[in-house]
Amino acid sequence: MIEYYTTRVNRCRPGHGASCAFCCGSHNYTMPPGEIEDVFIERGREGRGRARLHQDESCAEKLFHDAIQCSHVGIDPSEPGLVCCLLYGEDDRGGGVESFFNGTCKNFYCPAWDDLTDRQVIFAARLMGDWYYYSLLINDIQSVHDLCASHDRPEDVPPDELDELKERLVERLMDEDGK
């Protein structure tokens, strides 16, 4: 008997140095990406001893006041450069943490899961290779479609086009309308 199955590339952790926690407010800070990353690295170092904050409690000034800024997004020291949920790895989460996941994590719709193919996700991951710009790119579906239609490989994207793309993605983030 032949078994058929489909394995989808995880949009949050596709490899190639890319990761995403956009749904958890990884970009909802009024500070530059390097400073945000420093916050995430420190959280990862603090590990399990950290205080658990409710998803509505912020630890820094928010870019969008009515959006989430989850204090459990961090960078685990064992996976430098990759954002993750620091609670997922805990052995004993308890009912409060499960309630947190059910109330927050399950309620975010990520269009990258439905609107991007695995090839497009890998293209974006290879092109950006980080958590900051990769997250912005996969949440701009049209840009991913356009890039993949124009270029066979991420290496084919000219440096000036990549720089312009990054600027446009950041401008889009800063525009509260998302337009």
Protein backbone atom coordinates (compact mmCIF):
# COMPACT_ATOMS: atom_id res chain seq x y z
CA MET A 1 0.00 0.00 0.00
CA ILE A 2 1.31 3.45 -0.91
CA GLU A 3 0.84 6.16 1.67
CA TYR A 4 0.44 9.73 0.54
CA TYR A 5 1.02 12.62 2.87
CA THR A 6 1.87 16.25 2.70
CA THR A 7 4.40 17.89 4.97
CA ARG A 8 4.06 21.62 5.17
CA VAL A 9 6.91 23.92 5.98
CA ASN A 10 6.34 25.59 9.33
CA ARG A 11 5.80 29.27 8.59
CA CYS A 12 7.04 30.19 12.08
CA ARG A 13 10.25 28.17 11.87
CA PRO A 14 11.06 27.45 8.21
CA GLY A 15 14.83 27.14 8.62
CA HIS A 16 17.53 29.19 6.90
CA GLY A 17 17.91 31.40 9.98
CA ALA A 18 14.34 32.69 9.69
CA SER A 19 11.62 32.64 12.31
CA CYS A 20 8.41 34.49 13.08
CA ALA A 21 6.45 35.52 16.15
CA PHE A 22 4.54 38.35 14.50
CA CYS A 23 1.27 37.01 15.90
CA CYS A 24 2.70 37.47 19.39
CA GLY A 25 3.67 41.09 18.83
CA SER A 26 7.36 40.55 18.11
CA HIS A 27 7.36 43.83 16.19
CA ASN A 28 5.08 45.81 18.53
CA TYR A 29 7.86 47.82 20.15
CA THR A 30 8.84 51.46 19.70
CA MET A 31 12.51 50.54 19.42
CA PRO A 32 14.83 49.48 16.62
CA PRO A 33 15.11 45.78 15.70
CA GLY A 34 18.49 45.38 17.42
CA GLU A 35 17.10 46.60 20.74
CA ILE A 36 14.06 44.34 20.41
CA GLU A 37 16.39 41.42 19.78
CA ASP A 38 18.38 42.33 22.90
CA VAL A 39 15.13 42.13 24.91
CA PHE A 40 14.40 38.71 23.40
CA ILE A 41 17.92 37.44 24.12
CA GLU A 42 17.69 38.58 27.75
CA ARG A 43 14.33 36.82 28.12
CA GLY A 44 15.87 33.64 26.80
CA ARG A 45 18.72 33.90 29.30
CA GLU A 46 16.26 34.40 32.16
CA GLY A 47 14.46 31.25 31.05
CA ARG A 48 12.00 29.55 33.33
CA GLY A 49 12.65 31.81 36.28
CA ARG A 50 10.94 34.71 34.53
CA ALA A 51 7.72 36.16 35.80
CA ARG A 52 4.74 35.27 33.66
CA LEU A 53 2.87 38.28 32.45
CA HIS A 54 -0.60 38.23 30.98
CA GLN A 55 -0.70 38.89 27.24
CA ASP A 56 -2.31 42.30 27.85
CA GLU A 57 0.59 43.43 30.04
CA SER A 58 3.42 45.01 28.11
CA CYS A 59 7.02 45.33 29.17
CA ALA A 60 7.96 48.17 26.82
CA GLU A 61 6.25 50.97 24.96
CA LYS A 62 4.02 49.53 22.26
CA LEU A 63 4.00 50.62 18.64
CA PHE A 64 0.28 49.77 18.46
CA HIS A 65 -1.42 50.24 21.83
CA ASP A 66 -4.36 47.94 21.12
CA ALA A 67 -2.21 45.05 19.83
CA ILE A 68 -0.46 42.26 21.70
CA GLN A 69 3.11 42.42 22.95
CA CYS A 70 3.58 38.99 24.47
CA SER A 71 6.27 38.94 27.12
CA HIS A 72 6.97 35.27 26.39
CA VAL A 73 8.50 35.86 22.96
CA GLY A 74 12.23 35.38 23.25
CA ILE A 75 15.36 33.89 21.80
CA ASP A 76 16.44 30.65 23.44
CA PRO A 77 20.24 30.57 23.96
CA SER A 78 20.32 27.15 22.29
CA GLU A 79 18.88 28.64 19.07
CA PRO A 80 20.54 32.05 18.56
CA GLY A 81 18.69 34.42 16.25
CA LEU A 82 15.43 32.46 16.23
CA VAL A 83 12.41 33.88 18.04
CA CYS A 84 10.21 31.45 19.90
CA CYS A 85 7.64 31.13 22.65
CA LEU A 86 9.57 30.59 25.86
CA LEU A 87 6.54 28.93 27.46
CA TYR A 88 6.20 26.12 24.92
CA GLY A 89 9.31 24.39 26.20
CA GLU A 90 8.15 24.25 29.80
CA ASP A 91 7.45 20.77 31.12
CA ASP A 92 4.76 21.81 33.61
CA ARG A 93 2.70 24.56 32.05
CA GLY A 94 -0.25 24.36 34.41
CA GLY A 95 -3.82 25.44 33.72
CA GLY A 96 -3.01 29.14 33.62
CA VAL A 97 -0.57 28.69 30.77
CA GLU A 98 -2.96 26.45 28.84
CA SER A 99 -5.64 29.10 29.32
CA PHE A 100 -3.18 31.69 27.99
CA PHE A 101 -2.55 29.58 24.87
CA ASN A 102 -6.25 28.99 24.32
CA GLY A 103 -7.13 32.64 24.76
CA THR A 104 -4.27 34.16 22.79
CA CYS A 105 -2.35 31.80 20.58
CA LYS A 106 -5.31 30.02 19.03
CA ASN A 107 -7.04 33.26 18.06
CA PHE A 108 -4.56 34.66 15.57
CA TYR A 109 -5.06 34.06 11.88
CA CYS A 110 -1.85 33.96 9.87
CA PRO A 111 -2.50 34.29 6.14
CA ALA A 112 0.94 32.84 5.34
CA TRP A 113 -0.40 29.38 6.24
CA ASP A 114 -3.17 29.60 3.64
CA ASP A 115 -1.85 31.99 1.02
CA LEU A 116 1.80 30.98 0.60
CA THR A 117 3.18 27.75 -0.81
CA ASP A 118 6.06 25.95 0.85
CA ARG A 119 8.30 27.14 -1.99
CA GLN A 120 7.33 30.75 -1.32
CA VAL A 121 7.96 30.39 2.41
CA ILE A 122 11.40 28.87 1.82
CA PHE A 123 12.16 31.62 -0.72
CA ALA A 124 11.27 34.28 1.87
CA ALA A 125 13.26 32.51 4.59
CA ARG A 126 16.34 32.22 2.41
CA LEU A 127 16.01 35.81 1.20
CA MET A 128 15.70 37.37 4.65
CA GLY A 129 17.35 34.80 6.92
CA ASP A 130 16.24 36.47 10.15
CA TRP A 131 13.25 36.98 12.41
CA TYR A 132 12.65 40.67 11.81
CA TYR A 133 12.41 41.05 8.03
CA TYR A 134 11.25 37.49 7.38
CA SER A 135 8.21 38.09 9.62
CA LEU A 136 7.37 41.31 7.84
CA LEU A 137 7.75 39.69 4.43
CA ILE A 138 5.55 36.63 4.99
CA ASN A 139 2.86 38.91 6.32
CA ASP A 140 2.94 40.84 3.06
CA ILE A 141 1.56 38.10 0.84
CA GLN A 142 1.58 40.15 -2.36
CA SER A 143 5.27 40.99 -2.01
CA VAL A 144 6.14 37.31 -1.62
CA HIS A 145 4.04 36.42 -4.68
CA ASP A 146 5.68 39.21 -6.71
CA LEU A 147 9.21 38.23 -5.66
CA CYS A 148 8.69 34.57 -6.51
CA ALA A 149 7.14 35.50 -9.87
CA SER A 150 10.08 37.79 -10.71
CA HIS A 151 12.98 35.71 -9.41
CA ASP A 152 13.73 31.98 -9.55
CA ARG A 153 15.97 32.06 -6.48
CA PRO A 154 16.46 34.44 -3.56
CA GLU A 155 20.05 34.95 -4.70
CA ASP A 156 18.66 36.52 -7.90
CA VAL A 157 17.12 39.45 -6.02
CA PRO A 158 19.44 42.43 -6.60
CA PRO A 159 20.79 44.07 -3.41
CA ASP A 160 19.16 47.42 -4.20
CA GLU A 161 15.78 45.73 -4.70
CA LEU A 162 16.19 43.90 -1.38
CA ASP A 163 17.05 47.16 0.40
CA GLU A 164 13.99 48.86 -1.10
CA LEU A 165 11.83 45.90 -0.07
CA LYS A 166 13.04 46.09 3.52
CA GLU A 167 12.34 49.82 3.66
CA ARG A 168 8.85 49.28 2.23
CA LEU A 169 8.12 46.49 4.74
CA VAL A 170 9.12 48.70 7.68
CA GLU A 171 7.06 51.59 6.31
CA ARG A 172 4.07 49.26 6.02
CA LEU A 173 4.56 48.15 9.63
CA MET A 174 4.60 51.74 10.83
CA ASP A 175 1.41 52.54 8.90
CA GLU A 176 -1.44 51.63 11.26
CA ASP A 177 -3.73 50.96 8.31
CA GLY A 178 -1.40 48.24 7.03
CA LYS A 179 -1.86 49.67 3.54
